[in-house]
Amino acid sequence: MTRSDLELDAVIFDLGRVLIDFDWSRTMSAWGLGGIPLSELQKRFLSETDFFDFETGAIAPDAFHAQVQTFVGRPLSFDEFRAAWNGVFKDELHATVELARRLHRGGSVKVGVLSNTNVLHAEYLRARMPILRELPHVYCSQELGARKPDAEAYVRTLAGMNVAANRAVFVDDLEENLVAARALGMRTVLARSPESVADGLRALGLE
């Protein structure tokens, strides 16, 4: 890997739909809610649980579990809840994972992860994805106490990596998260596919 005259010092990847795919319908189906449109379920879920608080570490897994049982409308053991919750994840997006790994091993830029997640997903993914154990800079919203697109999530990540915003590029699948990164001076790449990530980084001089 080489750096161009753009002088980038860091590449920061999102997790979901960037390094690993996911599908919320898998979780909802496991909870017996598969016959309801996913868009309706997601709207209800956000209004009937403290999901965002769970993603910033403001509530504990057992409290969130209790809220999910109310949302589902039936008792769920914690193990049943956790299995379905982690069942949202599909396969790693291997091309992007390998790109991140090559960048990290190349040593010309720092490579990190910034993800909106929660303690249960973070534990599951750290055990499942070797790349998260290889990278020294993995920042999860529940550990930061802030989630994208809150500017504080990016600021704390950049501080942890000791990198200036204008010398970092952020890769995410949601435009609103990229808008917030650009507002701080970061360069961005929209992750529509592994190919688009590779093309976007190549355009910034990383190849």
N, C-alpha and C. Protein backbone atom coordinates (compact mmCIF):
# COMPACT_ATOMS: atom_id res chain seq x y z
N MET A 1 0.84 -1.18 0.00
CA MET A 1 0.00 0.00 0.00
C MET A 1 0.89 1.25 0.00
N THR A 2 0.47 2.23 -0.73
CA THR A 2 1.22 3.48 -0.78
C THR A 2 0.31 4.65 -0.47
N ARG A 3 0.90 5.75 -0.02
CA ARG A 3 0.17 6.96 0.25
C ARG A 3 0.48 7.98 -0.82
N SER A 4 -0.54 8.70 -1.25
CA SER A 4 -0.32 9.74 -2.25
C SER A 4 0.00 11.04 -1.55
N ASP A 5 0.08 12.13 -2.33
CA ASP A 5 0.36 13.44 -1.76
C ASP A 5 -0.83 14.00 -0.98
N LEU A 6 -1.93 13.23 -0.88
CA LEU A 6 -3.05 13.66 -0.04
C LEU A 6 -2.70 13.55 1.43
N GLU A 7 -1.63 12.82 1.75
CA GLU A 7 -1.13 12.73 3.12
C GLU A 7 -2.19 12.24 4.10
N LEU A 8 -2.79 11.15 3.79
CA LEU A 8 -3.72 10.53 4.71
C LEU A 8 -2.94 9.75 5.78
N ASP A 9 -3.38 9.87 7.01
CA ASP A 9 -2.74 9.15 8.11
C ASP A 9 -3.59 8.00 8.63
N ALA A 10 -4.90 7.99 8.28
CA ALA A 10 -5.76 6.95 8.85
C ALA A 10 -6.94 6.66 7.94
N VAL A 11 -7.35 5.39 7.95
CA VAL A 11 -8.58 4.95 7.32
C VAL A 11 -9.43 4.31 8.41
N ILE A 12 -10.67 4.77 8.54
CA ILE A 12 -11.57 4.29 9.58
C ILE A 12 -12.79 3.68 8.91
N PHE A 13 -13.05 2.42 9.21
CA PHE A 13 -14.16 1.68 8.60
C PHE A 13 -15.32 1.55 9.58
N ASP A 14 -16.54 1.68 9.06
CA ASP A 14 -17.72 1.23 9.78
C ASP A 14 -17.70 -0.30 9.77
N LEU A 15 -18.57 -0.91 10.58
CA LEU A 15 -18.67 -2.36 10.60
C LEU A 15 -19.81 -2.88 9.71
N GLY A 16 -21.06 -2.59 10.10
CA GLY A 16 -22.21 -3.16 9.41
C GLY A 16 -22.34 -2.70 7.98
N ARG A 17 -22.45 -3.67 7.08
CA ARG A 17 -22.54 -3.47 5.63
C ARG A 17 -21.29 -2.82 5.05
N VAL A 18 -20.22 -2.83 5.81
CA VAL A 18 -18.90 -2.42 5.31
C VAL A 18 -17.92 -3.57 5.49
N LEU A 19 -17.80 -4.08 6.72
CA LEU A 19 -16.94 -5.24 6.98
C LEU A 19 -17.73 -6.52 7.19
N ILE A 20 -19.01 -6.40 7.54
CA ILE A 20 -19.85 -7.59 7.71
C ILE A 20 -21.28 -7.22 7.34
N ASP A 21 -21.98 -8.14 6.69
CA ASP A 21 -23.35 -7.89 6.28
C ASP A 21 -24.30 -8.26 7.42
N PHE A 22 -25.49 -7.68 7.40
CA PHE A 22 -26.49 -8.02 8.41
C PHE A 22 -27.88 -7.87 7.82
N ASP A 23 -28.85 -8.46 8.51
CA ASP A 23 -30.24 -8.44 8.05
C ASP A 23 -31.15 -8.51 9.28
N TRP A 24 -31.81 -7.39 9.59
CA TRP A 24 -32.66 -7.35 10.78
C TRP A 24 -33.84 -8.31 10.71
N SER A 25 -34.25 -8.69 9.50
CA SER A 25 -35.38 -9.62 9.39
C SER A 25 -35.04 -10.97 10.02
N ARG A 26 -33.77 -11.34 10.07
CA ARG A 26 -33.37 -12.60 10.70
C ARG A 26 -33.69 -12.58 12.19
N THR A 27 -33.39 -11.47 12.83
CA THR A 27 -33.69 -11.34 14.26
C THR A 27 -35.18 -11.30 14.51
N MET A 28 -35.88 -10.51 13.72
CA MET A 28 -37.33 -10.39 13.92
C MET A 28 -38.04 -11.73 13.68
N SER A 29 -37.59 -12.46 12.69
CA SER A 29 -38.19 -13.78 12.44
C SER A 29 -37.93 -14.73 13.59
N ALA A 30 -36.73 -14.68 14.15
CA ALA A 30 -36.40 -15.54 15.28
C ALA A 30 -37.25 -15.22 16.50
N TRP A 31 -37.74 -13.99 16.58
CA TRP A 31 -38.62 -13.59 17.67
C TRP A 31 -40.09 -13.83 17.34
N GLY A 32 -40.36 -14.46 16.18
CA GLY A 32 -41.72 -14.78 15.81
C GLY A 32 -42.48 -13.63 15.17
N LEU A 33 -41.76 -12.66 14.62
CA LEU A 33 -42.39 -11.47 14.04
C LEU A 33 -42.19 -11.39 12.53
N GLY A 34 -41.93 -12.54 11.92
CA GLY A 34 -41.59 -12.54 10.50
C GLY A 34 -42.71 -12.16 9.57
N GLY A 35 -43.96 -12.18 10.01
CA GLY A 35 -45.07 -11.86 9.12
C GLY A 35 -45.40 -10.39 9.02
N ILE A 36 -44.67 -9.56 9.75
CA ILE A 36 -44.92 -8.11 9.77
C ILE A 36 -43.86 -7.42 8.93
N PRO A 37 -44.24 -6.43 8.10
CA PRO A 37 -43.24 -5.74 7.28
C PRO A 37 -42.09 -5.19 8.12
N LEU A 38 -40.86 -5.38 7.62
CA LEU A 38 -39.69 -5.00 8.40
C LEU A 38 -39.68 -3.51 8.71
N SER A 39 -40.11 -2.68 7.76
CA SER A 39 -40.11 -1.23 8.00
C SER A 39 -41.01 -0.87 9.18
N GLU A 40 -42.15 -1.55 9.28
CA GLU A 40 -43.06 -1.32 10.41
C GLU A 40 -42.44 -1.80 11.72
N LEU A 41 -41.81 -2.96 11.68
CA LEU A 41 -41.17 -3.49 12.88
C LEU A 41 -40.05 -2.58 13.36
N GLN A 42 -39.25 -2.08 12.43
CA GLN A 42 -38.15 -1.21 12.83
C GLN A 42 -38.65 0.08 13.46
N LYS A 43 -39.72 0.64 12.91
CA LYS A 43 -40.29 1.86 13.47
C LYS A 43 -40.81 1.60 14.87
N ARG A 44 -41.53 0.50 15.04
CA ARG A 44 -42.04 0.13 16.37
C ARG A 44 -40.90 -0.13 17.35
N PHE A 45 -39.89 -0.82 16.88
CA PHE A 45 -38.77 -1.19 17.75
C PHE A 45 -38.08 0.05 18.31
N LEU A 46 -37.88 1.03 17.45
CA LEU A 46 -37.21 2.26 17.90
C LEU A 46 -38.07 3.08 18.84
N SER A 47 -39.39 2.96 18.70
CA SER A 47 -40.28 3.73 19.58
C SER A 47 -40.57 3.01 20.90
N GLU A 48 -40.43 1.68 20.91
CA GLU A 48 -40.82 0.89 22.08
C GLU A 48 -39.63 0.38 22.90
N THR A 49 -38.41 0.63 22.44
CA THR A 49 -37.22 0.25 23.20
C THR A 49 -36.25 1.44 23.25
N ASP A 50 -35.33 1.38 24.19
CA ASP A 50 -34.28 2.40 24.28
C ASP A 50 -33.05 1.93 23.50
N PHE A 51 -33.27 1.66 22.22
CA PHE A 51 -32.21 1.10 21.38
C PHE A 51 -30.99 2.03 21.32
N PHE A 52 -31.22 3.31 21.11
CA PHE A 52 -30.10 4.24 21.00
C PHE A 52 -29.35 4.35 22.34
N ASP A 53 -30.06 4.28 23.45
CA ASP A 53 -29.39 4.28 24.74
C ASP A 53 -28.55 3.02 24.92
N PHE A 54 -29.06 1.89 24.41
CA PHE A 54 -28.29 0.65 24.46
C PHE A 54 -27.00 0.80 23.65
N GLU A 55 -27.07 1.50 22.54
CA GLU A 55 -25.90 1.69 21.68
C GLU A 55 -24.90 2.70 22.23
N THR A 56 -25.30 3.48 23.22
CA THR A 56 -24.34 4.40 23.84
C THR A 56 -23.96 3.94 25.25
N GLY A 57 -24.37 2.74 25.62
CA GLY A 57 -24.00 2.19 26.91
C GLY A 57 -24.77 2.76 28.08
N ALA A 58 -25.88 3.45 27.80
CA ALA A 58 -26.65 4.09 28.87
C ALA A 58 -27.54 3.11 29.61
N ILE A 59 -27.87 1.97 28.98
CA ILE A 59 -28.64 0.94 29.67
C ILE A 59 -27.92 -0.40 29.51
N ALA A 60 -28.12 -1.27 30.47
CA ALA A 60 -27.44 -2.57 30.50
C ALA A 60 -28.19 -3.60 29.67
N PRO A 61 -27.52 -4.68 29.28
CA PRO A 61 -28.18 -5.73 28.49
C PRO A 61 -29.44 -6.30 29.14
N ASP A 62 -29.45 -6.47 30.46
CA ASP A 62 -30.63 -7.06 31.09
C ASP A 62 -31.83 -6.13 31.00
N ALA A 63 -31.60 -4.82 31.10
CA ALA A 63 -32.69 -3.86 30.96
C ALA A 63 -33.21 -3.85 29.52
N PHE A 64 -32.31 -3.92 28.57
CA PHE A 64 -32.72 -3.95 27.16
C PHE A 64 -33.47 -5.25 26.86
N HIS A 65 -33.01 -6.35 27.41
CA HIS A 65 -33.68 -7.64 27.27
C HIS A 65 -35.13 -7.55 27.74
N ALA A 66 -35.35 -6.89 28.87
CA ALA A 66 -36.71 -6.74 29.39
C ALA A 66 -37.57 -5.94 28.43
N GLN A 67 -37.01 -4.90 27.83
CA GLN A 67 -37.74 -4.09 26.86
C GLN A 67 -38.09 -4.91 25.62
N VAL A 68 -37.17 -5.74 25.18
CA VAL A 68 -37.42 -6.57 24.00
C VAL A 68 -38.54 -7.56 24.27
N GLN A 69 -38.58 -8.12 25.45
CA GLN A 69 -39.68 -9.04 25.78
C GLN A 69 -41.03 -8.34 25.68
N THR A 70 -41.10 -7.10 26.14
CA THR A 70 -42.34 -6.33 26.02
C THR A 70 -42.67 -6.08 24.56
N PHE A 71 -41.65 -5.73 23.77
CA PHE A 71 -41.85 -5.48 22.34
C PHE A 71 -42.34 -6.74 21.63
N VAL A 72 -41.74 -7.86 21.92
CA VAL A 72 -42.11 -9.13 21.27
C VAL A 72 -43.47 -9.61 21.77
N GLY A 73 -43.77 -9.33 23.01
CA GLY A 73 -45.07 -9.73 23.55
C GLY A 73 -45.09 -11.12 24.15
N ARG A 74 -43.92 -11.65 24.48
CA ARG A 74 -43.87 -12.97 25.11
C ARG A 74 -42.54 -13.09 25.85
N PRO A 75 -42.47 -13.99 26.83
CA PRO A 75 -41.21 -14.18 27.54
C PRO A 75 -40.12 -14.74 26.62
N LEU A 76 -38.91 -14.24 26.80
CA LEU A 76 -37.73 -14.75 26.10
C LEU A 76 -36.65 -14.96 27.15
N SER A 77 -36.07 -16.14 27.20
CA SER A 77 -34.90 -16.29 28.07
C SER A 77 -33.80 -15.37 27.55
N PHE A 78 -32.85 -15.03 28.42
CA PHE A 78 -31.77 -14.16 27.97
C PHE A 78 -30.97 -14.83 26.86
N ASP A 79 -30.76 -16.13 26.97
CA ASP A 79 -30.01 -16.84 25.93
C ASP A 79 -30.75 -16.82 24.59
N GLU A 80 -32.08 -16.97 24.65
CA GLU A 80 -32.89 -16.92 23.43
C GLU A 80 -32.84 -15.53 22.81
N PHE A 81 -32.98 -14.53 23.66
CA PHE A 81 -32.88 -13.14 23.20
C PHE A 81 -31.53 -12.86 22.56
N ARG A 82 -30.46 -13.26 23.24
CA ARG A 82 -29.11 -12.96 22.74
C ARG A 82 -28.82 -13.69 21.43
N ALA A 83 -29.26 -14.94 21.32
CA ALA A 83 -29.01 -15.70 20.09
C ALA A 83 -29.68 -15.04 18.90
N ALA A 84 -30.93 -14.61 19.06
CA ALA A 84 -31.62 -13.94 17.97
C ALA A 84 -31.01 -12.57 17.69
N TRP A 85 -30.61 -11.87 18.75
CA TRP A 85 -30.01 -10.54 18.60
C TRP A 85 -28.72 -10.62 17.80
N ASN A 86 -27.88 -11.59 18.12
CA ASN A 86 -26.63 -11.76 17.38
C ASN A 86 -26.84 -12.42 16.02
N GLY A 87 -28.00 -13.07 15.85
CA GLY A 87 -28.31 -13.71 14.58
C GLY A 87 -28.56 -12.75 13.44
N VAL A 88 -28.57 -11.45 13.74
CA VAL A 88 -28.73 -10.44 12.69
C VAL A 88 -27.59 -10.49 11.67
N PHE A 89 -26.42 -10.97 12.10
CA PHE A 89 -25.24 -10.89 11.24
C PHE A 89 -25.18 -12.03 10.24
N LYS A 90 -24.73 -11.70 9.05
CA LYS A 90 -24.54 -12.67 7.98
C LYS A 90 -23.03 -12.89 7.79
N ASP A 91 -22.57 -12.89 6.56
CA ASP A 91 -21.17 -13.17 6.29
C ASP A 91 -20.33 -11.89 6.31
N GLU A 92 -19.05 -12.07 6.62
CA GLU A 92 -18.11 -10.97 6.45
C GLU A 92 -18.05 -10.57 4.98
N LEU A 93 -17.81 -9.30 4.74
CA LEU A 93 -17.56 -8.81 3.38
C LEU A 93 -16.05 -8.93 3.15
N HIS A 94 -15.66 -10.12 2.68
CA HIS A 94 -14.27 -10.52 2.73
C HIS A 94 -13.34 -9.59 1.95
N ALA A 95 -13.79 -9.06 0.83
CA ALA A 95 -12.91 -8.20 0.04
C ALA A 95 -12.53 -6.95 0.82
N THR A 96 -13.49 -6.37 1.55
CA THR A 96 -13.20 -5.16 2.32
C THR A 96 -12.40 -5.50 3.57
N VAL A 97 -12.70 -6.64 4.20
CA VAL A 97 -11.91 -7.07 5.35
C VAL A 97 -10.45 -7.25 4.94
N GLU A 98 -10.23 -7.89 3.79
CA GLU A 98 -8.85 -8.10 3.33
C GLU A 98 -8.18 -6.78 2.96
N LEU A 99 -8.94 -5.84 2.42
CA LEU A 99 -8.40 -4.52 2.12
C LEU A 99 -7.95 -3.83 3.41
N ALA A 100 -8.81 -3.88 4.44
CA ALA A 100 -8.42 -3.28 5.72
C ALA A 100 -7.18 -3.96 6.28
N ARG A 101 -7.12 -5.27 6.15
CA ARG A 101 -5.98 -6.02 6.67
C ARG A 101 -4.70 -5.63 5.92
N ARG A 102 -4.77 -5.50 4.60
CA ARG A 102 -3.59 -5.12 3.82
C ARG A 102 -3.12 -3.72 4.17
N LEU A 103 -4.07 -2.81 4.34
CA LEU A 103 -3.71 -1.44 4.73
C LEU A 103 -3.01 -1.44 6.08
N HIS A 104 -3.55 -2.21 7.01
CA HIS A 104 -2.97 -2.27 8.35
C HIS A 104 -1.56 -2.86 8.30
N ARG A 105 -1.41 -3.96 7.57
CA ARG A 105 -0.10 -4.60 7.51
C ARG A 105 0.90 -3.78 6.73
N GLY A 106 0.39 -2.98 5.78
CA GLY A 106 1.29 -2.12 5.02
C GLY A 106 1.95 -1.05 5.86
N GLY A 107 1.26 -0.59 6.89
CA GLY A 107 1.86 0.32 7.85
C GLY A 107 1.94 1.78 7.46
N SER A 108 1.48 2.15 6.27
CA SER A 108 1.59 3.55 5.86
C SER A 108 0.46 4.41 6.41
N VAL A 109 -0.63 3.77 6.83
CA VAL A 109 -1.73 4.48 7.48
C VAL A 109 -2.21 3.66 8.68
N LYS A 110 -2.76 4.36 9.67
CA LYS A 110 -3.44 3.67 10.75
C LYS A 110 -4.80 3.20 10.24
N VAL A 111 -5.22 2.06 10.70
CA VAL A 111 -6.52 1.51 10.29
C VAL A 111 -7.36 1.27 11.53
N GLY A 112 -8.58 1.80 11.49
CA GLY A 112 -9.46 1.66 12.64
C GLY A 112 -10.88 1.32 12.24
N VAL A 113 -11.70 1.10 13.25
CA VAL A 113 -13.12 0.83 13.09
C VAL A 113 -13.89 1.74 14.02
N LEU A 114 -14.96 2.34 13.50
CA LEU A 114 -15.91 3.10 14.31
C LEU A 114 -17.31 2.59 13.97
N SER A 115 -17.99 2.03 14.97
CA SER A 115 -19.28 1.40 14.70
C SER A 115 -20.30 1.77 15.76
N ASN A 116 -21.54 2.03 15.31
CA ASN A 116 -22.68 2.07 16.21
C ASN A 116 -23.05 0.64 16.55
N THR A 117 -22.84 0.25 17.79
CA THR A 117 -23.10 -1.13 18.17
C THR A 117 -23.52 -1.18 19.63
N ASN A 118 -23.38 -2.30 20.26
CA ASN A 118 -23.79 -2.47 21.65
C ASN A 118 -22.94 -3.58 22.24
N VAL A 119 -23.01 -3.74 23.55
CA VAL A 119 -22.09 -4.66 24.21
C VAL A 119 -22.25 -6.10 23.71
N LEU A 120 -23.47 -6.54 23.44
CA LEU A 120 -23.68 -7.92 23.00
C LEU A 120 -23.14 -8.14 21.59
N HIS A 121 -23.45 -7.23 20.68
CA HIS A 121 -22.92 -7.36 19.32
C HIS A 121 -21.40 -7.23 19.30
N ALA A 122 -20.86 -6.33 20.10
CA ALA A 122 -19.41 -6.14 20.11
C ALA A 122 -18.70 -7.39 20.61
N GLU A 123 -19.23 -8.00 21.68
CA GLU A 123 -18.62 -9.23 22.18
C GLU A 123 -18.68 -10.34 21.12
N TYR A 124 -19.83 -10.46 20.47
CA TYR A 124 -20.02 -11.50 19.46
C TYR A 124 -19.08 -11.29 18.28
N LEU A 125 -18.99 -10.06 17.79
CA LEU A 125 -18.18 -9.80 16.61
C LEU A 125 -16.69 -9.87 16.91
N ARG A 126 -16.29 -9.46 18.08
CA ARG A 126 -14.87 -9.55 18.42
C ARG A 126 -14.42 -11.01 18.49
N ALA A 127 -15.32 -11.89 18.92
CA ALA A 127 -14.98 -13.31 18.94
C ALA A 127 -15.00 -13.92 17.55
N ARG A 128 -15.88 -13.41 16.70
CA ARG A 128 -16.10 -14.02 15.38
C ARG A 128 -15.15 -13.48 14.32
N MET A 129 -14.76 -12.20 14.39
CA MET A 129 -14.03 -11.54 13.32
C MET A 129 -12.57 -11.31 13.73
N PRO A 130 -11.64 -12.07 13.21
CA PRO A 130 -10.24 -11.88 13.57
C PRO A 130 -9.72 -10.46 13.32
N ILE A 131 -10.23 -9.80 12.29
CA ILE A 131 -9.74 -8.46 11.97
C ILE A 131 -9.92 -7.51 13.15
N LEU A 132 -10.96 -7.72 13.96
CA LEU A 132 -11.20 -6.83 15.10
C LEU A 132 -10.21 -7.07 16.23
N ARG A 133 -9.56 -8.21 16.22
CA ARG A 133 -8.51 -8.49 17.20
C ARG A 133 -7.14 -8.08 16.65
N GLU A 134 -7.04 -7.91 15.35
CA GLU A 134 -5.78 -7.51 14.73
C GLU A 134 -5.57 -6.01 14.78
N LEU A 135 -6.66 -5.26 14.66
CA LEU A 135 -6.54 -3.81 14.61
C LEU A 135 -6.44 -3.23 16.02
N PRO A 136 -5.51 -2.30 16.25
CA PRO A 136 -5.38 -1.71 17.58
C PRO A 136 -6.41 -0.63 17.87
N HIS A 137 -7.13 -0.20 16.83
CA HIS A 137 -8.08 0.91 16.99
C HIS A 137 -9.48 0.47 16.59
N VAL A 138 -10.24 -0.04 17.55
CA VAL A 138 -11.63 -0.44 17.33
C VAL A 138 -12.49 0.32 18.34
N TYR A 139 -13.37 1.17 17.84
CA TYR A 139 -14.17 2.05 18.70
C TYR A 139 -15.65 1.76 18.50
N CYS A 140 -16.30 1.35 19.57
CA CYS A 140 -17.71 1.00 19.55
C CYS A 140 -18.50 2.06 20.31
N SER A 141 -19.68 2.37 19.81
CA SER A 141 -20.46 3.48 20.36
C SER A 141 -20.74 3.32 21.85
N GLN A 142 -21.01 2.09 22.29
CA GLN A 142 -21.34 1.90 23.71
C GLN A 142 -20.13 2.13 24.60
N GLU A 143 -18.92 2.03 24.05
CA GLU A 143 -17.71 2.32 24.80
C GLU A 143 -17.36 3.81 24.73
N LEU A 144 -17.67 4.44 23.60
CA LEU A 144 -17.42 5.87 23.44
C LEU A 144 -18.43 6.73 24.19
N GLY A 145 -19.64 6.17 24.40
CA GLY A 145 -20.71 6.98 24.98
C GLY A 145 -21.31 7.94 23.98
N ALA A 146 -21.11 7.67 22.70
CA ALA A 146 -21.64 8.52 21.62
C ALA A 146 -21.75 7.67 20.37
N ARG A 147 -22.75 7.98 19.55
CA ARG A 147 -22.97 7.20 18.34
C ARG A 147 -23.04 8.14 17.13
N LYS A 148 -22.63 7.62 15.99
CA LYS A 148 -22.76 8.37 14.74
C LYS A 148 -24.24 8.67 14.47
N PRO A 149 -24.58 9.81 13.94
CA PRO A 149 -23.70 10.87 13.43
C PRO A 149 -23.33 11.95 14.45
N ASP A 150 -23.43 11.68 15.73
CA ASP A 150 -22.99 12.62 16.76
C ASP A 150 -21.50 12.91 16.55
N ALA A 151 -21.15 14.18 16.45
CA ALA A 151 -19.76 14.55 16.19
C ALA A 151 -18.81 13.98 17.24
N GLU A 152 -19.30 13.82 18.47
CA GLU A 152 -18.43 13.35 19.54
C GLU A 152 -17.90 11.95 19.26
N ALA A 153 -18.67 11.12 18.55
CA ALA A 153 -18.20 9.77 18.23
C ALA A 153 -16.94 9.83 17.36
N TYR A 154 -16.94 10.74 16.39
CA TYR A 154 -15.78 10.88 15.51
C TYR A 154 -14.61 11.53 16.26
N VAL A 155 -14.91 12.56 17.03
CA VAL A 155 -13.87 13.29 17.74
C VAL A 155 -13.13 12.36 18.69
N ARG A 156 -13.87 11.53 19.41
CA ARG A 156 -13.23 10.61 20.36
C ARG A 156 -12.43 9.53 19.65
N THR A 157 -12.91 9.10 18.49
CA THR A 157 -12.17 8.11 17.71
C THR A 157 -10.87 8.70 17.18
N LEU A 158 -10.94 9.88 16.62
CA LEU A 158 -9.74 10.54 16.11
C LEU A 158 -8.73 10.79 17.22
N ALA A 159 -9.23 11.18 18.38
CA ALA A 159 -8.33 11.41 19.52
C ALA A 159 -7.65 10.11 19.93
N GLY A 160 -8.42 9.02 19.94
CA GLY A 160 -7.84 7.73 20.30
C GLY A 160 -6.76 7.27 19.32
N MET A 161 -6.95 7.65 18.07
CA MET A 161 -5.98 7.27 17.04
C MET A 161 -4.87 8.30 16.89
N ASN A 162 -5.02 9.44 17.57
CA ASN A 162 -4.05 10.54 17.48
C ASN A 162 -3.87 10.99 16.04
N VAL A 163 -5.01 11.24 15.40
CA VAL A 163 -5.02 11.64 13.98
C VAL A 163 -5.91 12.87 13.82
N ALA A 164 -5.46 13.81 13.00
CA ALA A 164 -6.27 14.99 12.70
C ALA A 164 -7.38 14.62 11.73
N ALA A 165 -8.53 15.28 11.87
CA ALA A 165 -9.69 14.96 11.03
C ALA A 165 -9.36 15.08 9.55
N ASN A 166 -8.61 16.12 9.16
CA ASN A 166 -8.35 16.34 7.73
C ASN A 166 -7.29 15.39 7.17
N ARG A 167 -6.80 14.49 8.01
CA ARG A 167 -5.84 13.49 7.53
C ARG A 167 -6.40 12.08 7.68
N ALA A 168 -7.73 12.01 7.81
CA ALA A 168 -8.38 10.71 7.96
C ALA A 168 -9.50 10.57 6.95
N VAL A 169 -9.77 9.33 6.54
CA VAL A 169 -10.90 9.03 5.65
C VAL A 169 -11.81 8.04 6.38
N PHE A 170 -13.10 8.30 6.27
CA PHE A 170 -14.09 7.46 6.94
C PHE A 170 -14.93 6.76 5.89
N VAL A 171 -15.14 5.45 6.09
CA VAL A 171 -15.89 4.59 5.16
C VAL A 171 -17.15 4.11 5.87
N ASP A 172 -18.32 4.43 5.30
CA ASP A 172 -19.58 4.07 5.94
C ASP A 172 -20.62 3.85 4.85
N ASP A 173 -21.67 3.08 5.19
CA ASP A 173 -22.72 2.81 4.21
C ASP A 173 -23.88 3.80 4.28
N LEU A 174 -23.88 4.70 5.27
CA LEU A 174 -24.96 5.66 5.43
C LEU A 174 -24.47 7.08 5.18
N GLU A 175 -25.16 7.76 4.28
CA GLU A 175 -24.74 9.10 3.90
C GLU A 175 -24.77 10.06 5.08
N GLU A 176 -25.74 9.92 5.98
CA GLU A 176 -25.82 10.85 7.11
C GLU A 176 -24.57 10.76 7.98
N ASN A 177 -23.99 9.59 8.09
CA ASN A 177 -22.77 9.45 8.87
C ASN A 177 -21.57 10.05 8.16
N LEU A 178 -21.58 10.01 6.84
CA LEU A 178 -20.50 10.62 6.06
C LEU A 178 -20.61 12.14 6.09
N VAL A 179 -21.82 12.66 6.05
CA VAL A 179 -22.03 14.11 6.14
C VAL A 179 -21.43 14.64 7.44
N ALA A 180 -21.69 13.94 8.54
CA ALA A 180 -21.16 14.36 9.83
C ALA A 180 -19.64 14.30 9.85
N ALA A 181 -19.06 13.27 9.23
CA ALA A 181 -17.60 13.16 9.17
C ALA A 181 -17.01 14.30 8.35
N ARG A 182 -17.64 14.60 7.22
CA ARG A 182 -17.13 15.69 6.37
C ARG A 182 -17.21 17.04 7.08
N ALA A 183 -18.22 17.21 7.92
CA ALA A 183 -18.36 18.47 8.65
C ALA A 183 -17.18 18.72 9.58
N LEU A 184 -16.51 17.64 9.98
CA LEU A 184 -15.33 17.76 10.82
C LEU A 184 -14.04 17.88 10.00
N GLY A 185 -14.16 17.74 8.69
CA GLY A 185 -13.00 17.85 7.82
C GLY A 185 -12.45 16.53 7.32
N MET A 186 -13.11 15.43 7.66
CA MET A 186 -12.64 14.12 7.21
C MET A 186 -13.01 13.89 5.75
N ARG A 187 -12.20 13.12 5.05
CA ARG A 187 -12.59 12.63 3.74
C ARG A 187 -13.48 11.41 3.93
N THR A 188 -14.30 11.09 2.95
CA THR A 188 -15.26 10.00 3.12
C THR A 188 -15.37 9.14 1.87
N VAL A 189 -15.81 7.90 2.11
CA VAL A 189 -16.12 6.96 1.03
C VAL A 189 -17.45 6.30 1.37
N LEU A 190 -18.40 6.35 0.44
CA LEU A 190 -19.69 5.69 0.64
C LEU A 190 -19.56 4.23 0.24
N ALA A 191 -19.88 3.34 1.16
CA ALA A 191 -19.74 1.91 0.92
C ALA A 191 -21.03 1.35 0.36
N ARG A 192 -21.14 1.31 -0.96
CA ARG A 192 -22.27 0.65 -1.62
C ARG A 192 -21.99 -0.83 -1.84
N SER A 193 -20.71 -1.17 -1.94
CA SER A 193 -20.26 -2.54 -2.19
C SER A 193 -18.77 -2.58 -1.89
N PRO A 194 -18.19 -3.78 -1.73
CA PRO A 194 -16.74 -3.84 -1.56
C PRO A 194 -15.98 -3.17 -2.70
N GLU A 195 -16.52 -3.28 -3.91
CA GLU A 195 -15.85 -2.66 -5.06
C GLU A 195 -15.84 -1.14 -4.93
N SER A 196 -16.95 -0.57 -4.45
CA SER A 196 -17.02 0.88 -4.31
C SER A 196 -16.07 1.37 -3.22
N VAL A 197 -15.88 0.56 -2.19
CA VAL A 197 -14.92 0.94 -1.14
C VAL A 197 -13.50 0.96 -1.71
N ALA A 198 -13.15 -0.10 -2.42
CA ALA A 198 -11.81 -0.16 -3.02
C ALA A 198 -11.60 0.98 -3.99
N ASP A 199 -12.61 1.27 -4.82
CA ASP A 199 -12.48 2.36 -5.79
C ASP A 199 -12.35 3.71 -5.09
N GLY A 200 -13.13 3.90 -4.03
CA GLY A 200 -13.08 5.17 -3.32
C GLY A 200 -11.75 5.42 -2.65
N LEU A 201 -11.19 4.39 -2.03
CA LEU A 201 -9.89 4.54 -1.40
C LEU A 201 -8.79 4.71 -2.43
N ARG A 202 -8.93 4.01 -3.55
CA ARG A 202 -7.95 4.16 -4.62
C ARG A 202 -7.94 5.60 -5.14
N ALA A 203 -9.13 6.19 -5.24
CA ALA A 203 -9.21 7.58 -5.72
C ALA A 203 -8.54 8.56 -4.75
N LEU A 204 -8.41 8.15 -3.49
CA LEU A 204 -7.74 8.98 -2.50
C LEU A 204 -6.26 8.64 -2.36
N GLY A 205 -5.79 7.78 -3.25
CA GLY A 205 -4.37 7.46 -3.27
C GLY A 205 -3.98 6.22 -2.51
N LEU A 206 -4.97 5.47 -2.01
CA LEU A 206 -4.67 4.24 -1.28
C LEU A 206 -4.99 3.06 -2.19
N GLU A 207 -4.00 2.26 -2.48
CA GLU A 207 -4.21 1.16 -3.43
C GLU A 207 -3.32 -0.02 -3.10
